[in-house]
Amino acid sequence: MYILLGISVLSLTIIFERAWSLRRSVVIPLKAVQQVEQYVRDGNVKQAMQVCQTHNTAMSRILWVALANRGVRRSVMKEILEESGRQEVAHLERFIGVLGVIAAIAPLLGLLGTVIGMIEVFQQISEVGVGHADVLAGGISKALNTTAFGLVVAIPSIVAYRFYEARVDRFVVEIEQHALRFVELLKGERA
């Protein structure tokens, strides 16, 4: 039960941390992206890079890499941005896998607690016999509590895991679209 309590606290911490860190304004600040694009259109690359450094978000870090490597060929720039994007995706996916592990092991830990509790109940039966229903019922109830608590931990964890996984996937697609458009802008292929 203590292990389940510990992983429930860990799960809640990750859920709240990811809710805070995976906000759209933190990952892809559209106003900053538009501001950077406008500076590039105006030919003020230095100001665009300064805006990227000021915001320090996944999208602005990728745009900064594109600006810093603006002199290379388009194919090389795409490779550089893909590498930068992989690093940002790893940062966005941070701790999400832990939620998946918690969702997988919490019911098993609860079941383990139930099995251990049932073993204790059978040991009590061997010592006092089956005539004491209150002792048996209390032991069985205590044993089943761990399964219930394991499910209470697992259900929100799996929901949060799937939700954040989908959210990161959507952000990745959107970041790729912005980065491609930005490369076209830098290379003069887009007005």
C-alpha atoms as a PDB file:
ATOM      1  CA  MET A   1       0.000   0.000   0.000  1.00  0.00           C
ATOM      2  CA  TYR A   2       2.878   2.385   0.751  1.00  0.00           C
ATOM      3  CA  ILE A   3       4.401   1.733  -2.652  1.00  0.00           C
ATOM      4  CA  LEU A   4       1.052   2.488  -4.284  1.00  0.00           C
ATOM      5  CA  LEU A   5       0.793   5.671  -2.253  1.00  0.00           C
ATOM      6  CA  GLY A   6       4.280   6.705  -3.389  1.00  0.00           C
ATOM      7  CA  ILE A   7       3.600   6.089  -7.075  1.00  0.00           C
ATOM      8  CA  SER A   8       0.251   7.870  -6.811  1.00  0.00           C
ATOM      9  CA  VAL A   9       2.072  10.976  -5.550  1.00  0.00           C
ATOM     10  CA  LEU A  10       4.608  10.593  -8.373  1.00  0.00           C
ATOM     11  CA  SER A  11       1.821  10.193 -10.930  1.00  0.00           C
ATOM     12  CA  LEU A  12      -0.024  13.292  -9.720  1.00  0.00           C
ATOM     13  CA  THR A  13       3.205  15.288  -9.728  1.00  0.00           C
ATOM     14  CA  ILE A  14       3.930  14.292 -13.327  1.00  0.00           C
ATOM     15  CA  ILE A  15       0.350  14.980 -14.401  1.00  0.00           C
ATOM     16  CA  PHE A  16       0.449  18.525 -12.996  1.00  0.00           C
ATOM     17  CA  GLU A  17       3.977  19.202 -14.247  1.00  0.00           C
ATOM     18  CA  ARG A  18       3.122  18.084 -17.786  1.00  0.00           C
ATOM     19  CA  ALA A  19      -0.123  20.082 -17.715  1.00  0.00           C
ATOM     20  CA  TRP A  20       1.941  23.168 -16.913  1.00  0.00           C
ATOM     21  CA  SER A  21       4.802  22.411 -19.333  1.00  0.00           C
ATOM     22  CA  LEU A  22       2.710  21.324 -22.315  1.00  0.00           C
ATOM     23  CA  ARG A  23       0.621  24.448 -22.625  1.00  0.00           C
ATOM     24  CA  ARG A  24       0.454  25.813 -26.163  1.00  0.00           C
ATOM     25  CA  SER A  25       1.855  29.180 -25.064  1.00  0.00           C
ATOM     26  CA  VAL A  26       4.900  27.416 -23.621  1.00  0.00           C
ATOM     27  CA  VAL A  27       5.572  25.105 -26.573  1.00  0.00           C
ATOM     28  CA  ILE A  28       4.490  27.142 -29.619  1.00  0.00           C
ATOM     29  CA  PRO A  29       3.959  30.823 -28.837  1.00  0.00           C
ATOM     30  CA  LEU A  30       2.262  31.907 -32.052  1.00  0.00           C
ATOM     31  CA  LYS A  31       2.802  35.625 -31.456  1.00  0.00           C
ATOM     32  CA  ALA A  32       6.542  35.098 -31.097  1.00  0.00           C
ATOM     33  CA  VAL A  33       6.622  32.904 -34.228  1.00  0.00           C
ATOM     34  CA  GLN A  34       4.784  35.566 -36.206  1.00  0.00           C
ATOM     35  CA  GLN A  35       7.088  38.252 -34.835  1.00  0.00           C
ATOM     36  CA  VAL A  36      10.191  36.257 -35.850  1.00  0.00           C
ATOM     37  CA  GLU A  37       8.769  35.671 -39.325  1.00  0.00           C
ATOM     38  CA  GLN A  38       8.041  39.367 -39.717  1.00  0.00           C
ATOM     39  CA  TYR A  39      11.571  40.323 -38.702  1.00  0.00           C
ATOM     40  CA  VAL A  40      12.940  37.834 -41.263  1.00  0.00           C
ATOM     41  CA  ARG A  41      10.690  39.303 -43.980  1.00  0.00           C
ATOM     42  CA  ASP A  42      11.997  42.754 -43.043  1.00  0.00           C
ATOM     43  CA  GLY A  43      15.581  41.496 -43.243  1.00  0.00           C
ATOM     44  CA  ASN A  44      16.262  42.002 -39.530  1.00  0.00           C
ATOM     45  CA  VAL A  45      17.698  38.566 -38.678  1.00  0.00           C
ATOM     46  CA  LYS A  46      19.526  39.786 -35.591  1.00  0.00           C
ATOM     47  CA  GLN A  47      16.266  41.016 -34.038  1.00  0.00           C
ATOM     48  CA  ALA A  48      14.563  37.731 -35.003  1.00  0.00           C
ATOM     49  CA  MET A  49      17.284  35.749 -33.219  1.00  0.00           C
ATOM     50  CA  GLN A  50      16.921  37.970 -30.159  1.00  0.00           C
ATOM     51  CA  VAL A  51      13.166  37.265 -30.035  1.00  0.00           C
ATOM     52  CA  CYS A  52      13.908  33.526 -30.224  1.00  0.00           C
ATOM     53  CA  GLN A  53      16.377  33.752 -27.341  1.00  0.00           C
ATOM     54  CA  THR A  54      13.971  35.812 -25.261  1.00  0.00           C
ATOM     55  CA  HIS A  55      11.116  33.305 -25.453  1.00  0.00           C
ATOM     56  CA  ASN A  56      13.119  30.069 -24.909  1.00  0.00           C
ATOM     57  CA  THR A  57      10.361  27.676 -26.040  1.00  0.00           C
ATOM     58  CA  ALA A  58      10.593  24.547 -28.190  1.00  0.00           C
ATOM     59  CA  MET A  59       9.504  26.423 -31.294  1.00  0.00           C
ATOM     60  CA  SER A  60      11.718  29.443 -30.712  1.00  0.00           C
ATOM     61  CA  ARG A  61      14.771  27.224 -30.131  1.00  0.00           C
ATOM     62  CA  ILE A  62      14.131  25.490 -33.468  1.00  0.00           C
ATOM     63  CA  LEU A  63      13.671  28.831 -35.229  1.00  0.00           C
ATOM     64  CA  TRP A  64      16.893  30.081 -33.655  1.00  0.00           C
ATOM     65  CA  VAL A  65      18.759  27.046 -35.047  1.00  0.00           C
ATOM     66  CA  ALA A  66      17.295  27.790 -38.483  1.00  0.00           C
ATOM     67  CA  LEU A  67      18.378  31.410 -38.251  1.00  0.00           C
ATOM     68  CA  ALA A  68      21.847  30.488 -37.034  1.00  0.00           C
ATOM     69  CA  ASN A  69      22.276  28.121 -40.008  1.00  0.00           C
ATOM     70  CA  ARG A  70      20.566  30.277 -42.623  1.00  0.00           C
ATOM     71  CA  GLY A  71      23.598  30.226 -44.928  1.00  0.00           C
ATOM     72  CA  VAL A  72      23.623  26.469 -45.512  1.00  0.00           C
ATOM     73  CA  ARG A  73      21.851  24.628 -48.334  1.00  0.00           C
ATOM     74  CA  ARG A  74      18.179  23.826 -47.861  1.00  0.00           C
ATOM     75  CA  SER A  75      18.771  20.059 -47.513  1.00  0.00           C
ATOM     76  CA  VAL A  76      21.453  20.585 -44.859  1.00  0.00           C
ATOM     77  CA  MET A  77      19.205  22.998 -42.986  1.00  0.00           C
ATOM     78  CA  LYS A  78      16.399  20.455 -42.967  1.00  0.00           C
ATOM     79  CA  GLU A  79      18.747  17.847 -41.480  1.00  0.00           C
ATOM     80  CA  ILE A  80      19.913  20.292 -38.820  1.00  0.00           C
ATOM     81  CA  LEU A  81      16.313  21.175 -37.963  1.00  0.00           C
ATOM     82  CA  GLU A  82      15.329  17.514 -37.801  1.00  0.00           C
ATOM     83  CA  GLU A  83      18.084  16.887 -35.269  1.00  0.00           C
ATOM     84  CA  SER A  84      17.067  19.936 -33.270  1.00  0.00           C
ATOM     85  CA  GLY A  85      13.446  18.817 -33.498  1.00  0.00           C
ATOM     86  CA  ARG A  86      14.310  15.353 -32.138  1.00  0.00           C
ATOM     87  CA  GLN A  87      15.917  16.976 -29.119  1.00  0.00           C
ATOM     88  CA  GLU A  88      12.871  19.154 -28.545  1.00  0.00           C
ATOM     89  CA  VAL A  89      10.517  16.170 -28.891  1.00  0.00           C
ATOM     90  CA  ALA A  90      12.551  14.287 -26.282  1.00  0.00           C
ATOM     91  CA  HIS A  91      12.160  17.299 -24.008  1.00  0.00           C
ATOM     92  CA  LEU A  92       8.391  17.421 -24.629  1.00  0.00           C
ATOM     93  CA  GLU A  93       7.995  13.689 -23.973  1.00  0.00           C
ATOM     94  CA  ARG A  94       9.883  13.902 -20.695  1.00  0.00           C
ATOM     95  CA  PHE A  95       8.199  11.912 -17.873  1.00  0.00           C
ATOM     96  CA  ILE A  96       5.298  10.779 -20.071  1.00  0.00           C
ATOM     97  CA  GLY A  97       6.728   7.262 -20.280  1.00  0.00           C
ATOM     98  CA  VAL A  98       6.795   7.131 -16.477  1.00  0.00           C
ATOM     99  CA  LEU A  99       3.019   7.649 -16.473  1.00  0.00           C
ATOM    100  CA  GLY A 100       2.681   4.639 -18.774  1.00  0.00           C
ATOM    101  CA  VAL A 101       4.800   2.518 -16.450  1.00  0.00           C
ATOM    102  CA  ILE A 102       2.776   3.629 -13.426  1.00  0.00           C
ATOM    103  CA  ALA A 103      -0.455   2.814 -15.252  1.00  0.00           C
ATOM    104  CA  ALA A 104       0.889  -0.655 -16.031  1.00  0.00           C
ATOM    105  CA  ILE A 105       2.290  -1.564 -12.613  1.00  0.00           C
ATOM    106  CA  ALA A 106      -0.286   0.004 -10.265  1.00  0.00           C
ATOM    107  CA  PRO A 107      -2.957  -2.680 -10.815  1.00  0.00           C
ATOM    108  CA  LEU A 108      -0.296  -5.380 -10.525  1.00  0.00           C
ATOM    109  CA  LEU A 109       0.945  -3.931  -7.241  1.00  0.00           C
ATOM    110  CA  GLY A 110      -2.654  -3.793  -6.042  1.00  0.00           C
ATOM    111  CA  LEU A 111      -3.158  -7.413  -7.017  1.00  0.00           C
ATOM    112  CA  LEU A 112       0.073  -8.368  -5.274  1.00  0.00           C
ATOM    113  CA  GLY A 113      -1.194  -6.667  -2.121  1.00  0.00           C
ATOM    114  CA  THR A 114      -4.446  -8.588  -2.386  1.00  0.00           C
ATOM    115  CA  VAL A 115      -2.634 -11.907  -2.783  1.00  0.00           C
ATOM    116  CA  ILE A 116      -0.413 -11.180   0.205  1.00  0.00           C
ATOM    117  CA  GLY A 117      -3.486 -10.146   2.218  1.00  0.00           C
ATOM    118  CA  MET A 118      -5.323 -13.336   1.243  1.00  0.00           C
ATOM    119  CA  ILE A 119      -2.301 -15.406   2.321  1.00  0.00           C
ATOM    120  CA  GLU A 120      -2.498 -13.702   5.711  1.00  0.00           C
ATOM    121  CA  VAL A 121      -6.237 -14.449   5.883  1.00  0.00           C
ATOM    122  CA  PHE A 122      -5.607 -18.130   5.189  1.00  0.00           C
ATOM    123  CA  GLN A 123      -2.911 -18.163   7.858  1.00  0.00           C
ATOM    124  CA  GLN A 124      -5.467 -16.735  10.316  1.00  0.00           C
ATOM    125  CA  ILE A 125      -7.952 -19.428   9.284  1.00  0.00           C
ATOM    126  CA  SER A 126      -5.358 -22.086  10.040  1.00  0.00           C
ATOM    127  CA  GLU A 127      -4.770 -20.570  13.494  1.00  0.00           C
ATOM    128  CA  VAL A 128      -8.307 -19.632  14.671  1.00  0.00           C
ATOM    129  CA  GLY A 129     -10.507 -21.659  12.322  1.00  0.00           C
ATOM    130  CA  VAL A 130     -13.397 -20.523  10.169  1.00  0.00           C
ATOM    131  CA  GLY A 131     -15.716 -19.751  13.062  1.00  0.00           C
ATOM    132  CA  HIS A 132     -14.629 -16.128  13.370  1.00  0.00           C
ATOM    133  CA  ALA A 133     -16.262 -14.429  10.386  1.00  0.00           C
ATOM    134  CA  ASP A 134     -15.400 -10.919  11.599  1.00  0.00           C
ATOM    135  CA  VAL A 135     -11.671 -11.675  11.502  1.00  0.00           C
ATOM    136  CA  LEU A 136     -11.968 -13.202   8.034  1.00  0.00           C
ATOM    137  CA  ALA A 137     -14.129 -10.406   6.638  1.00  0.00           C
ATOM    138  CA  GLY A 138     -11.774  -7.731   7.983  1.00  0.00           C
ATOM    139  CA  GLY A 139      -8.756  -9.480   6.486  1.00  0.00           C
ATOM    140  CA  ILE A 140     -10.415  -9.969   3.104  1.00  0.00           C
ATOM    141  CA  SER A 141     -11.581  -6.347   3.054  1.00  0.00           C
ATOM    142  CA  LYS A 142      -8.077  -5.153   3.879  1.00  0.00           C
ATOM    143  CA  ALA A 143      -6.642  -7.351   1.118  1.00  0.00           C
ATOM    144  CA  LEU A 144      -9.060  -6.064  -1.524  1.00  0.00           C
ATOM    145  CA  ASN A 145      -8.331  -2.429  -0.653  1.00  0.00           C
ATOM    146  CA  THR A 146      -4.945  -2.671  -2.334  1.00  0.00           C
ATOM    147  CA  THR A 147      -6.504  -3.812  -5.616  1.00  0.00           C
ATOM    148  CA  ALA A 148      -8.990  -0.966  -5.495  1.00  0.00           C
ATOM    149  CA  PHE A 149      -6.248   1.555  -4.731  1.00  0.00           C
ATOM    150  CA  GLY A 150      -4.094   0.143  -7.520  1.00  0.00           C
ATOM    151  CA  LEU A 151      -6.936   0.739  -9.976  1.00  0.00           C
ATOM    152  CA  VAL A 152      -7.526   4.231  -8.578  1.00  0.00           C
ATOM    153  CA  VAL A 153      -3.871   5.042  -9.332  1.00  0.00           C
ATOM    154  CA  ALA A 154      -3.778   3.289 -12.725  1.00  0.00           C
ATOM    155  CA  ILE A 155      -6.902   4.762 -14.325  1.00  0.00           C
ATOM    156  CA  PRO A 156      -5.951   8.476 -14.136  1.00  0.00           C
ATOM    157  CA  SER A 157      -2.357   7.594 -15.013  1.00  0.00           C
ATOM    158  CA  ILE A 158      -3.314   5.810 -18.238  1.00  0.00           C
ATOM    159  CA  VAL A 159      -5.736   8.575 -19.199  1.00  0.00           C
ATOM    160  CA  ALA A 160      -3.054  11.237 -18.615  1.00  0.00           C
ATOM    161  CA  TYR A 161      -0.452   9.122 -20.432  1.00  0.00           C
ATOM    162  CA  ARG A 162      -2.604   8.812 -23.558  1.00  0.00           C
ATOM    163  CA  PHE A 163      -3.689  12.468 -23.398  1.00  0.00           C
ATOM    164  CA  TYR A 164      -0.149  13.842 -23.121  1.00  0.00           C
ATOM    165  CA  GLU A 165       1.153  11.428 -25.732  1.00  0.00           C
ATOM    166  CA  ALA A 166      -1.480  12.695 -28.197  1.00  0.00           C
ATOM    167  CA  ARG A 167      -0.799  16.315 -27.249  1.00  0.00           C
ATOM    168  CA  VAL A 168       2.923  15.948 -27.903  1.00  0.00           C
ATOM    169  CA  ASP A 169       2.183  14.277 -31.245  1.00  0.00           C
ATOM    170  CA  ARG A 170      -0.013  17.230 -32.250  1.00  0.00           C
ATOM    171  CA  PHE A 171       2.674  19.690 -31.178  1.00  0.00           C
ATOM    172  CA  VAL A 172       5.293  17.809 -33.186  1.00  0.00           C
ATOM    173  CA  VAL A 173       3.195  18.009 -36.345  1.00  0.00           C
ATOM    174  CA  GLU A 174       2.556  21.706 -35.799  1.00  0.00           C
ATOM    175  CA  ILE A 175       6.234  22.431 -35.084  1.00  0.00           C
ATOM    176  CA  GLU A 176       7.196  20.593 -38.279  1.00  0.00           C
ATOM    177  CA  GLN A 177       4.740  22.694 -40.282  1.00  0.00           C
ATOM    178  CA  HIS A 178       6.047  25.947 -38.800  1.00  0.00           C
ATOM    179  CA  ALA A 179       9.670  24.909 -39.325  1.00  0.00           C
ATOM    180  CA  LEU A 180       9.077  23.931 -42.963  1.00  0.00           C
ATOM    181  CA  ARG A 181       7.319  27.210 -43.643  1.00  0.00           C
ATOM    182  CA  PHE A 182      10.157  29.061 -41.931  1.00  0.00           C
ATOM    183  CA  VAL A 183      12.797  27.284 -44.028  1.00  0.00           C
ATOM    184  CA  GLU A 184      10.890  28.288 -47.141  1.00  0.00           C
ATOM    185  CA  LEU A 185      10.770  31.859 -45.851  1.00  0.00           C
ATOM    186  CA  LEU A 186      14.514  31.919 -45.158  1.00  0.00           C
ATOM    187  CA  LYS A 187      15.351  30.467 -48.541  1.00  0.00           C
ATOM    188  CA  GLY A 188      13.159  33.009 -50.313  1.00  0.00           C
ATOM    189  CA  GLU A 189      10.576  30.468 -51.450  1.00  0.00           C
ATOM    190  CA  ARG A 190       7.747  32.076 -49.505  1.00  0.00           C
ATOM    191  CA  ALA A 191       6.771  35.710 -49.320  1.00  0.00           C
END
